[in-house]
N, C-alpha and C. Protein backbone atom coordinates (compact mmCIF):
# COMPACT_ATOMS: atom_id res chain seq x y z
N MET A 1 -23.84 -2.45 -15.69
CA MET A 1 -24.25 -2.07 -14.36
C MET A 1 -23.12 -1.41 -13.55
N MET A 2 -21.90 -2.02 -13.63
CA MET A 2 -20.78 -1.42 -12.87
C MET A 2 -20.42 -0.01 -13.40
N ARG A 3 -20.53 0.11 -14.68
CA ARG A 3 -20.21 1.40 -15.31
C ARG A 3 -21.18 2.49 -14.88
N ALA A 4 -22.49 2.10 -14.77
CA ALA A 4 -23.48 3.08 -14.38
C ALA A 4 -23.23 3.45 -12.90
N LEU A 5 -22.86 2.50 -12.09
CA LEU A 5 -22.53 2.84 -10.68
C LEU A 5 -21.35 3.78 -10.56
N LEU A 6 -20.33 3.52 -11.39
CA LEU A 6 -19.18 4.40 -11.39
C LEU A 6 -19.53 5.79 -11.85
N VAL A 7 -20.36 5.92 -12.86
CA VAL A 7 -20.76 7.23 -13.40
C VAL A 7 -21.49 7.92 -12.23
N GLY A 8 -22.38 7.21 -11.62
CA GLY A 8 -23.17 7.79 -10.46
C GLY A 8 -22.25 8.27 -9.37
N TRP A 9 -21.31 7.39 -9.02
CA TRP A 9 -20.40 7.77 -7.92
C TRP A 9 -19.52 8.99 -8.26
N PHE A 10 -18.95 8.95 -9.48
CA PHE A 10 -18.16 10.12 -9.87
C PHE A 10 -19.01 11.42 -9.94
N THR A 11 -20.21 11.27 -10.34
CA THR A 11 -21.11 12.49 -10.40
C THR A 11 -21.35 13.01 -8.99
N VAL A 12 -21.60 12.11 -8.08
CA VAL A 12 -21.81 12.50 -6.68
C VAL A 12 -20.56 13.22 -6.13
N LEU A 13 -19.40 12.66 -6.42
CA LEU A 13 -18.17 13.33 -5.94
C LEU A 13 -18.02 14.67 -6.58
N TRP A 14 -18.35 14.80 -7.87
CA TRP A 14 -18.28 16.08 -8.53
C TRP A 14 -19.19 17.12 -7.87
N ILE A 15 -20.39 16.72 -7.60
CA ILE A 15 -21.35 17.64 -6.96
C ILE A 15 -20.88 18.03 -5.53
N VAL A 16 -20.36 17.07 -4.79
CA VAL A 16 -19.81 17.39 -3.48
C VAL A 16 -18.66 18.38 -3.59
N LEU A 17 -17.77 18.16 -4.57
CA LEU A 17 -16.65 19.11 -4.73
C LEU A 17 -17.12 20.51 -5.07
N TRP A 18 -18.16 20.65 -5.82
CA TRP A 18 -18.67 21.98 -6.21
C TRP A 18 -19.62 22.49 -5.19
N ARG A 19 -20.12 21.68 -4.29
CA ARG A 19 -21.04 22.09 -3.21
C ARG A 19 -22.32 22.73 -3.73
N ASP A 20 -22.76 22.32 -4.93
CA ASP A 20 -23.97 22.86 -5.50
C ASP A 20 -24.59 21.89 -6.37
N PRO A 21 -25.74 21.29 -6.00
CA PRO A 21 -26.36 20.25 -6.82
C PRO A 21 -27.25 20.89 -7.92
N SER A 22 -26.71 21.85 -8.67
CA SER A 22 -27.49 22.46 -9.75
C SER A 22 -27.53 21.49 -10.94
N VAL A 23 -28.41 21.79 -11.87
CA VAL A 23 -28.57 20.98 -13.09
C VAL A 23 -27.22 21.00 -13.86
N ALA A 24 -26.61 22.17 -14.00
CA ALA A 24 -25.36 22.28 -14.70
C ALA A 24 -24.25 21.41 -14.06
N ASN A 25 -24.18 21.41 -12.71
CA ASN A 25 -23.16 20.58 -12.10
C ASN A 25 -23.46 19.07 -12.27
N VAL A 26 -24.69 18.67 -12.18
CA VAL A 26 -25.06 17.31 -12.40
C VAL A 26 -24.69 16.84 -13.80
N LEU A 27 -25.06 17.68 -14.82
CA LEU A 27 -24.79 17.32 -16.20
C LEU A 27 -23.26 17.31 -16.51
N SER A 28 -22.55 18.30 -15.89
CA SER A 28 -21.08 18.35 -16.12
C SER A 28 -20.45 17.19 -15.34
N GLY A 29 -20.99 16.80 -14.23
CA GLY A 29 -20.46 15.67 -13.49
C GLY A 29 -20.61 14.40 -14.26
N VAL A 30 -21.75 14.16 -14.87
CA VAL A 30 -21.94 12.98 -15.68
C VAL A 30 -21.03 13.03 -16.89
N ALA A 31 -20.86 14.17 -17.51
CA ALA A 31 -19.94 14.27 -18.67
C ALA A 31 -18.51 13.97 -18.28
N ILE A 32 -18.07 14.55 -17.19
CA ILE A 32 -16.70 14.31 -16.71
C ILE A 32 -16.50 12.84 -16.40
N ALA A 33 -17.51 12.24 -15.71
CA ALA A 33 -17.38 10.77 -15.37
C ALA A 33 -17.32 9.95 -16.60
N LEU A 34 -18.06 10.24 -17.60
CA LEU A 34 -18.00 9.47 -18.89
C LEU A 34 -16.68 9.60 -19.56
N VAL A 35 -16.10 10.76 -19.54
CA VAL A 35 -14.82 11.00 -20.12
C VAL A 35 -13.74 10.24 -19.34
N VAL A 36 -13.80 10.31 -18.05
CA VAL A 36 -12.81 9.63 -17.20
C VAL A 36 -12.84 8.16 -17.43
N LEU A 37 -14.07 7.60 -17.49
CA LEU A 37 -14.22 6.20 -17.72
C LEU A 37 -13.82 5.73 -19.15
N ALA A 38 -13.95 6.66 -20.10
CA ALA A 38 -13.50 6.33 -21.44
C ALA A 38 -11.95 6.33 -21.57
N VAL A 39 -11.35 7.27 -20.85
CA VAL A 39 -9.88 7.39 -20.89
C VAL A 39 -9.21 6.35 -19.98
N PHE A 40 -9.86 6.08 -18.83
CA PHE A 40 -9.35 5.04 -17.89
C PHE A 40 -10.41 4.04 -17.62
N PRO A 41 -10.53 3.05 -18.56
CA PRO A 41 -11.58 2.07 -18.34
C PRO A 41 -11.24 1.20 -17.17
N PRO A 42 -12.31 0.82 -16.41
CA PRO A 42 -12.11 -0.06 -15.22
C PRO A 42 -11.65 -1.47 -15.68
N HIS A 43 -10.81 -2.06 -14.91
CA HIS A 43 -10.33 -3.40 -15.19
C HIS A 43 -11.20 -4.36 -14.34
N ARG A 44 -11.38 -5.55 -14.90
CA ARG A 44 -12.05 -6.59 -14.10
C ARG A 44 -11.16 -7.10 -13.02
N VAL A 45 -11.63 -7.24 -11.85
CA VAL A 45 -10.91 -7.84 -10.79
C VAL A 45 -10.99 -9.32 -10.87
N THR A 46 -9.82 -9.97 -10.80
CA THR A 46 -9.81 -11.46 -10.90
C THR A 46 -10.14 -12.02 -9.55
N GLY A 47 -10.39 -13.31 -9.47
CA GLY A 47 -10.69 -13.98 -8.25
C GLY A 47 -9.46 -14.24 -7.45
N GLU A 48 -8.34 -13.63 -7.81
CA GLU A 48 -7.05 -13.85 -7.10
C GLU A 48 -7.07 -13.26 -5.75
N ASN A 49 -7.83 -12.19 -5.52
CA ASN A 49 -7.86 -11.45 -4.24
C ASN A 49 -9.23 -11.62 -3.57
N THR A 50 -9.23 -11.67 -2.26
CA THR A 50 -10.43 -11.81 -1.46
C THR A 50 -10.36 -10.75 -0.35
N LEU A 51 -11.34 -9.87 -0.25
CA LEU A 51 -11.40 -8.94 0.79
C LEU A 51 -11.93 -9.48 2.09
N ARG A 52 -11.17 -9.38 3.14
CA ARG A 52 -11.61 -9.84 4.50
C ARG A 52 -11.62 -8.65 5.42
N PRO A 53 -12.81 -8.13 5.73
CA PRO A 53 -12.92 -6.88 6.54
C PRO A 53 -12.21 -6.81 7.89
N LEU A 54 -12.26 -7.86 8.66
CA LEU A 54 -11.58 -7.89 9.95
C LEU A 54 -10.08 -7.84 9.79
N GLN A 55 -9.52 -8.63 8.85
CA GLN A 55 -8.09 -8.59 8.59
C GLN A 55 -7.65 -7.23 8.01
N LEU A 56 -8.57 -6.64 7.20
CA LEU A 56 -8.30 -5.32 6.67
C LEU A 56 -8.20 -4.30 7.74
N ALA A 57 -9.07 -4.42 8.73
CA ALA A 57 -9.01 -3.53 9.90
C ALA A 57 -7.69 -3.75 10.68
N ALA A 58 -7.27 -5.02 10.82
CA ALA A 58 -5.95 -5.22 11.44
C ALA A 58 -4.80 -4.63 10.66
N PHE A 59 -4.86 -4.70 9.35
CA PHE A 59 -3.85 -4.11 8.51
C PHE A 59 -3.81 -2.63 8.67
N VAL A 60 -4.99 -2.00 8.61
CA VAL A 60 -5.08 -0.55 8.77
C VAL A 60 -4.62 -0.10 10.16
N GLY A 61 -5.01 -0.86 11.21
CA GLY A 61 -4.55 -0.55 12.55
C GLY A 61 -3.03 -0.61 12.68
N TYR A 62 -2.46 -1.68 12.18
CA TYR A 62 -0.99 -1.83 12.24
C TYR A 62 -0.29 -0.74 11.51
N PHE A 63 -0.81 -0.45 10.27
CA PHE A 63 -0.23 0.64 9.51
C PHE A 63 -0.36 1.97 10.24
N ALA A 64 -1.48 2.25 10.84
CA ALA A 64 -1.70 3.49 11.56
C ALA A 64 -0.70 3.60 12.74
N TRP A 65 -0.53 2.48 13.43
CA TRP A 65 0.41 2.47 14.56
C TRP A 65 1.80 2.76 14.05
N LYS A 66 2.24 2.11 13.00
CA LYS A 66 3.57 2.31 12.38
C LYS A 66 3.71 3.78 11.97
N LEU A 67 2.70 4.37 11.46
CA LEU A 67 2.70 5.74 11.06
C LEU A 67 2.92 6.68 12.18
N VAL A 68 2.26 6.44 13.30
CA VAL A 68 2.41 7.24 14.51
C VAL A 68 3.89 7.11 15.02
N VAL A 69 4.30 5.86 15.12
CA VAL A 69 5.69 5.64 15.68
C VAL A 69 6.73 6.32 14.80
N SER A 70 6.64 6.07 13.48
CA SER A 70 7.62 6.64 12.57
C SER A 70 7.57 8.15 12.53
N ASN A 71 6.38 8.77 12.66
CA ASN A 71 6.26 10.20 12.71
C ASN A 71 7.00 10.74 13.97
N TYR A 72 6.80 10.04 15.06
CA TYR A 72 7.52 10.42 16.33
C TYR A 72 9.03 10.30 16.19
N VAL A 73 9.49 9.24 15.56
CA VAL A 73 10.98 9.06 15.42
C VAL A 73 11.54 10.12 14.50
N VAL A 74 10.88 10.42 13.38
CA VAL A 74 11.37 11.48 12.49
C VAL A 74 11.25 12.87 13.12
N ALA A 75 10.20 13.17 13.85
CA ALA A 75 10.04 14.47 14.52
C ALA A 75 11.11 14.63 15.58
N ARG A 76 11.42 13.55 16.32
CA ARG A 76 12.44 13.57 17.34
C ARG A 76 13.84 13.80 16.65
N GLU A 77 14.06 13.27 15.46
CA GLU A 77 15.29 13.44 14.79
C GLU A 77 15.44 14.89 14.36
N ILE A 78 14.32 15.55 14.02
CA ILE A 78 14.39 16.91 13.56
C ILE A 78 14.69 17.85 14.71
N VAL A 79 14.13 17.66 15.90
CA VAL A 79 14.28 18.57 16.97
C VAL A 79 15.45 18.34 17.86
N THR A 80 16.12 17.17 17.78
CA THR A 80 17.26 16.96 18.61
C THR A 80 18.58 17.39 17.90
N PRO A 81 19.52 17.86 18.70
CA PRO A 81 20.76 18.36 18.05
C PRO A 81 21.67 17.25 17.43
N ARG A 82 21.60 16.06 18.04
CA ARG A 82 22.46 14.95 17.54
C ARG A 82 21.82 14.26 16.32
N ASP A 83 22.68 13.82 15.42
CA ASP A 83 22.27 13.10 14.21
C ASP A 83 22.30 11.61 14.44
N HIS A 84 21.14 10.96 14.47
CA HIS A 84 21.00 9.52 14.66
C HIS A 84 20.69 8.80 13.37
N ILE A 85 20.87 9.53 12.24
CA ILE A 85 20.52 8.90 10.95
C ILE A 85 21.57 7.87 10.55
N ARG A 86 21.13 6.74 10.19
CA ARG A 86 22.00 5.71 9.62
C ARG A 86 21.16 5.03 8.53
N SER A 87 21.18 5.63 7.38
CA SER A 87 20.30 5.18 6.29
C SER A 87 20.93 4.01 5.56
N GLY A 88 20.09 3.26 4.91
CA GLY A 88 20.48 2.20 4.07
C GLY A 88 19.35 1.67 3.22
N ILE A 89 19.69 0.78 2.31
CA ILE A 89 18.70 0.14 1.47
C ILE A 89 18.61 -1.32 1.76
N VAL A 90 17.38 -1.78 2.01
CA VAL A 90 17.13 -3.19 2.47
C VAL A 90 16.31 -3.85 1.33
N ALA A 91 16.79 -5.05 0.99
CA ALA A 91 16.05 -5.90 0.06
C ALA A 91 15.07 -6.78 0.88
N VAL A 92 13.78 -6.75 0.52
CA VAL A 92 12.73 -7.48 1.26
C VAL A 92 12.08 -8.40 0.26
N PRO A 93 12.19 -9.69 0.43
CA PRO A 93 11.53 -10.64 -0.52
C PRO A 93 9.99 -10.58 -0.27
N MET A 94 9.26 -10.67 -1.35
CA MET A 94 7.81 -10.65 -1.29
C MET A 94 7.33 -12.10 -1.65
N VAL A 95 6.68 -12.69 -0.69
CA VAL A 95 6.29 -14.14 -0.85
C VAL A 95 4.71 -14.12 -1.08
N ALA A 96 4.26 -14.91 -2.03
CA ALA A 96 2.87 -15.19 -2.28
C ALA A 96 2.07 -13.95 -2.40
N CYS A 97 2.54 -13.02 -3.22
CA CYS A 97 1.81 -11.72 -3.29
C CYS A 97 1.37 -11.47 -4.76
N SER A 98 0.12 -11.06 -4.83
CA SER A 98 -0.40 -10.59 -6.09
C SER A 98 0.12 -9.19 -6.36
N ASP A 99 -0.05 -8.68 -7.54
CA ASP A 99 0.41 -7.28 -7.87
C ASP A 99 -0.32 -6.30 -6.98
N LEU A 100 -1.58 -6.59 -6.59
CA LEU A 100 -2.28 -5.68 -5.71
C LEU A 100 -1.67 -5.61 -4.33
N VAL A 101 -1.33 -6.75 -3.77
CA VAL A 101 -0.67 -6.84 -2.46
C VAL A 101 0.64 -6.10 -2.46
N VAL A 102 1.48 -6.38 -3.50
CA VAL A 102 2.74 -5.76 -3.57
C VAL A 102 2.57 -4.20 -3.69
N THR A 103 1.62 -3.72 -4.48
CA THR A 103 1.41 -2.32 -4.64
C THR A 103 0.96 -1.70 -3.28
N ILE A 104 0.11 -2.34 -2.53
CA ILE A 104 -0.36 -1.84 -1.27
C ILE A 104 0.76 -1.76 -0.25
N VAL A 105 1.55 -2.81 -0.22
CA VAL A 105 2.70 -2.82 0.76
C VAL A 105 3.70 -1.83 0.38
N ALA A 106 4.05 -1.68 -0.92
CA ALA A 106 5.03 -0.69 -1.39
C ALA A 106 4.57 0.69 -1.07
N ASN A 107 3.30 0.99 -1.31
CA ASN A 107 2.75 2.34 -1.01
C ASN A 107 2.69 2.59 0.50
N ALA A 108 2.32 1.61 1.30
CA ALA A 108 2.24 1.80 2.73
C ALA A 108 3.65 2.06 3.26
N ILE A 109 4.68 1.40 2.72
CA ILE A 109 6.05 1.70 3.12
C ILE A 109 6.46 3.14 2.76
N SER A 110 6.13 3.56 1.52
CA SER A 110 6.45 4.88 1.09
C SER A 110 5.67 6.01 1.83
N LEU A 111 4.49 5.67 2.29
CA LEU A 111 3.71 6.67 3.07
C LEU A 111 4.18 6.86 4.46
N THR A 112 4.98 5.87 4.95
CA THR A 112 5.48 5.97 6.32
C THR A 112 6.73 6.82 6.36
N PRO A 113 6.79 7.87 7.16
CA PRO A 113 8.03 8.71 7.23
C PRO A 113 9.25 7.87 7.62
N GLY A 114 10.31 8.16 6.95
CA GLY A 114 11.59 7.46 7.26
C GLY A 114 11.82 6.22 6.42
N THR A 115 10.85 5.83 5.55
CA THR A 115 11.01 4.72 4.65
C THR A 115 10.48 5.14 3.29
N LEU A 116 11.07 4.49 2.27
CA LEU A 116 10.63 4.78 0.89
C LEU A 116 10.96 3.57 0.03
N THR A 117 9.94 3.10 -0.67
CA THR A 117 10.17 2.02 -1.64
C THR A 117 10.87 2.58 -2.88
N LEU A 118 12.03 2.08 -3.14
CA LEU A 118 12.83 2.55 -4.28
C LEU A 118 12.54 1.74 -5.55
N GLU A 119 12.39 0.43 -5.38
CA GLU A 119 12.23 -0.42 -6.56
C GLU A 119 11.46 -1.65 -6.23
N VAL A 120 10.76 -2.16 -7.17
CA VAL A 120 10.00 -3.42 -7.03
C VAL A 120 10.45 -4.34 -8.15
N ARG A 121 11.00 -5.43 -7.81
CA ARG A 121 11.39 -6.43 -8.82
C ARG A 121 10.44 -7.59 -8.83
N ARG A 122 10.19 -8.17 -10.04
CA ARG A 122 9.29 -9.28 -10.14
C ARG A 122 9.94 -10.62 -10.04
N ASP A 123 11.23 -10.70 -10.46
CA ASP A 123 11.89 -11.99 -10.54
C ASP A 123 13.24 -11.98 -9.89
N PRO A 124 13.43 -12.40 -8.67
CA PRO A 124 12.38 -12.82 -7.73
C PRO A 124 11.60 -11.59 -7.18
N PRO A 125 10.38 -11.80 -6.74
CA PRO A 125 9.60 -10.67 -6.14
C PRO A 125 10.33 -10.07 -4.97
N THR A 126 10.78 -8.86 -5.08
CA THR A 126 11.54 -8.23 -4.03
C THR A 126 11.25 -6.73 -3.99
N LEU A 127 11.15 -6.12 -2.81
CA LEU A 127 11.05 -4.72 -2.64
C LEU A 127 12.40 -4.20 -2.16
N TYR A 128 12.88 -3.11 -2.70
CA TYR A 128 14.07 -2.46 -2.24
C TYR A 128 13.63 -1.21 -1.53
N VAL A 129 13.90 -1.13 -0.25
CA VAL A 129 13.39 -0.02 0.60
C VAL A 129 14.51 0.78 1.18
N HIS A 130 14.45 2.10 1.06
CA HIS A 130 15.39 2.99 1.76
C HIS A 130 14.83 3.27 3.12
N VAL A 131 15.73 3.05 4.12
CA VAL A 131 15.33 3.24 5.54
C VAL A 131 16.21 4.28 6.11
N LEU A 132 15.58 5.31 6.73
CA LEU A 132 16.31 6.41 7.34
C LEU A 132 17.12 6.01 8.60
N HIS A 133 16.50 5.22 9.40
CA HIS A 133 17.12 4.81 10.65
C HIS A 133 17.36 3.27 10.58
N LEU A 134 18.38 2.89 9.92
CA LEU A 134 18.68 1.44 9.75
C LEU A 134 19.70 0.99 10.82
N HIS A 135 19.12 0.59 11.99
CA HIS A 135 19.98 0.12 13.09
C HIS A 135 19.96 -1.36 13.17
N ASP A 136 18.84 -2.02 12.68
CA ASP A 136 18.73 -3.46 12.80
C ASP A 136 18.08 -3.99 11.52
N LEU A 137 18.85 -4.58 10.63
CA LEU A 137 18.37 -5.00 9.32
C LEU A 137 17.28 -6.08 9.48
N ASP A 138 17.42 -6.99 10.42
CA ASP A 138 16.41 -8.05 10.58
C ASP A 138 15.10 -7.49 11.08
N LYS A 139 15.19 -6.48 11.92
CA LYS A 139 13.91 -5.87 12.48
C LYS A 139 13.16 -5.17 11.31
N VAL A 140 13.86 -4.47 10.43
CA VAL A 140 13.24 -3.85 9.30
C VAL A 140 12.58 -4.85 8.40
N ARG A 141 13.24 -5.98 8.15
CA ARG A 141 12.58 -7.05 7.34
C ARG A 141 11.41 -7.64 8.06
N ARG A 142 11.56 -7.86 9.35
CA ARG A 142 10.39 -8.43 10.11
C ARG A 142 9.22 -7.46 10.06
N ASP A 143 9.44 -6.17 10.21
CA ASP A 143 8.35 -5.22 10.21
C ASP A 143 7.65 -5.20 8.83
N ILE A 144 8.44 -5.18 7.79
CA ILE A 144 7.82 -5.22 6.47
C ILE A 144 7.13 -6.54 6.22
N ARG A 145 7.72 -7.60 6.70
CA ARG A 145 7.09 -8.94 6.50
C ARG A 145 5.74 -8.98 7.26
N THR A 146 5.66 -8.39 8.45
CA THR A 146 4.44 -8.30 9.20
C THR A 146 3.42 -7.50 8.44
N LEU A 147 3.81 -6.40 7.83
CA LEU A 147 2.93 -5.56 7.01
C LEU A 147 2.44 -6.42 5.81
N GLN A 148 3.36 -7.13 5.26
CA GLN A 148 2.98 -8.02 4.04
C GLN A 148 2.02 -9.07 4.48
N ARG A 149 2.25 -9.69 5.62
CA ARG A 149 1.38 -10.82 6.13
C ARG A 149 -0.01 -10.26 6.33
N LEU A 150 -0.13 -9.08 6.97
CA LEU A 150 -1.41 -8.50 7.22
C LEU A 150 -2.11 -8.11 5.89
N ALA A 151 -1.35 -7.64 4.92
CA ALA A 151 -1.98 -7.31 3.63
C ALA A 151 -2.44 -8.58 2.90
N VAL A 152 -1.63 -9.62 2.94
CA VAL A 152 -2.09 -10.90 2.32
C VAL A 152 -3.32 -11.42 3.01
N ALA A 153 -3.34 -11.33 4.38
CA ALA A 153 -4.54 -11.82 5.06
C ALA A 153 -5.79 -10.97 4.80
N ALA A 154 -5.55 -9.66 4.53
CA ALA A 154 -6.67 -8.77 4.30
C ALA A 154 -7.28 -8.89 2.89
N ILE A 155 -6.39 -9.05 1.87
CA ILE A 155 -6.87 -9.03 0.53
C ILE A 155 -6.33 -10.08 -0.39
N GLY A 156 -5.52 -10.98 0.10
CA GLY A 156 -4.99 -12.08 -0.65
C GLY A 156 -5.87 -13.24 -0.81
N SER A 157 -5.58 -14.20 -1.66
CA SER A 157 -6.33 -15.40 -1.78
C SER A 157 -5.95 -16.34 -0.61
N ALA A 158 -6.83 -17.34 -0.38
CA ALA A 158 -6.53 -18.36 0.66
C ALA A 158 -5.24 -19.10 0.31
N GLU A 159 -5.03 -19.32 -0.97
CA GLU A 159 -3.80 -20.09 -1.37
C GLU A 159 -2.54 -19.23 -1.06
N ALA A 160 -2.63 -17.92 -1.35
CA ALA A 160 -1.49 -17.03 -1.08
C ALA A 160 -1.22 -16.98 0.37
N LEU A 161 -2.30 -16.89 1.20
CA LEU A 161 -2.06 -16.87 2.65
C LEU A 161 -1.41 -18.15 3.16
N ALA A 162 -1.84 -19.34 2.64
CA ALA A 162 -1.26 -20.61 3.07
C ALA A 162 0.21 -20.68 2.60
N GLU A 163 0.48 -20.20 1.37
CA GLU A 163 1.86 -20.19 0.86
C GLU A 163 2.69 -19.27 1.72
N PHE A 164 2.21 -18.09 2.10
CA PHE A 164 2.99 -17.13 2.91
C PHE A 164 3.30 -17.80 4.24
N ASP A 165 2.30 -18.46 4.85
CA ASP A 165 2.51 -19.01 6.16
C ASP A 165 3.43 -20.19 6.13
N ALA A 166 3.49 -20.92 5.05
CA ALA A 166 4.33 -22.09 4.85
C ALA A 166 5.79 -21.69 4.65
N ASP A 167 6.12 -20.48 4.33
CA ASP A 167 7.48 -20.00 4.07
C ASP A 167 7.80 -18.97 5.16
N PRO A 168 8.24 -19.41 6.33
CA PRO A 168 8.41 -18.50 7.46
C PRO A 168 9.45 -17.41 7.31
N GLN A 169 10.53 -17.73 6.56
CA GLN A 169 11.56 -16.65 6.42
C GLN A 169 12.23 -16.92 5.06
N PRO A 170 11.85 -16.23 4.05
CA PRO A 170 12.48 -16.49 2.73
C PRO A 170 13.92 -15.98 2.73
N PRO A 171 14.75 -16.64 1.91
CA PRO A 171 16.13 -16.23 1.88
C PRO A 171 16.28 -14.87 1.15
N VAL A 172 17.27 -14.14 1.60
CA VAL A 172 17.49 -12.76 1.07
C VAL A 172 18.78 -12.81 0.31
N GLU A 173 18.69 -12.37 -0.90
CA GLU A 173 19.88 -12.29 -1.73
C GLU A 173 20.46 -10.84 -1.66
N ASP A 174 21.52 -10.68 -0.92
CA ASP A 174 22.18 -9.39 -0.74
C ASP A 174 23.07 -9.10 -1.94
N HIS A 175 22.94 -7.88 -2.37
CA HIS A 175 23.76 -7.41 -3.47
C HIS A 175 24.77 -6.39 -2.96
N ALA A 176 25.98 -6.53 -3.34
CA ALA A 176 27.01 -5.62 -2.89
C ALA A 176 27.15 -4.42 -3.80
């Protein structure tokens, strides 16, 4: 059933891209969808994650706000004659996160101007983030932790959310 829905969805996308619902486009859309699903078979989603729409909206809103603010900061840096760049790499522990949550947080960080996820470690779970304007190390960690908390609340399990809230500030292992 899921496979048929995916074939249908991919076919609709194919037709929209071509802007012509001809028989040839429908048949080629089905063929392309079948090839894509054969090469990249969908994986079963485990019960590890739970989608919560209101918390997802909060995550998206927070991310959008951070996107606007960081675009402003980077644009200001470009147009002003003085250089305020003080870049650095920050280690941010990831608490109670599934691979999906870590991926979403890492990508959200990389999509925000002025920050870039450089590395993700699994043991202990840590993100290494390059920050263009590193003026306050704790503020950067708090901002990423807030993003992580919102992501766990939006798509994490109830157990992960409880574990995250029980660990208010994980220790950070600084590497020289």
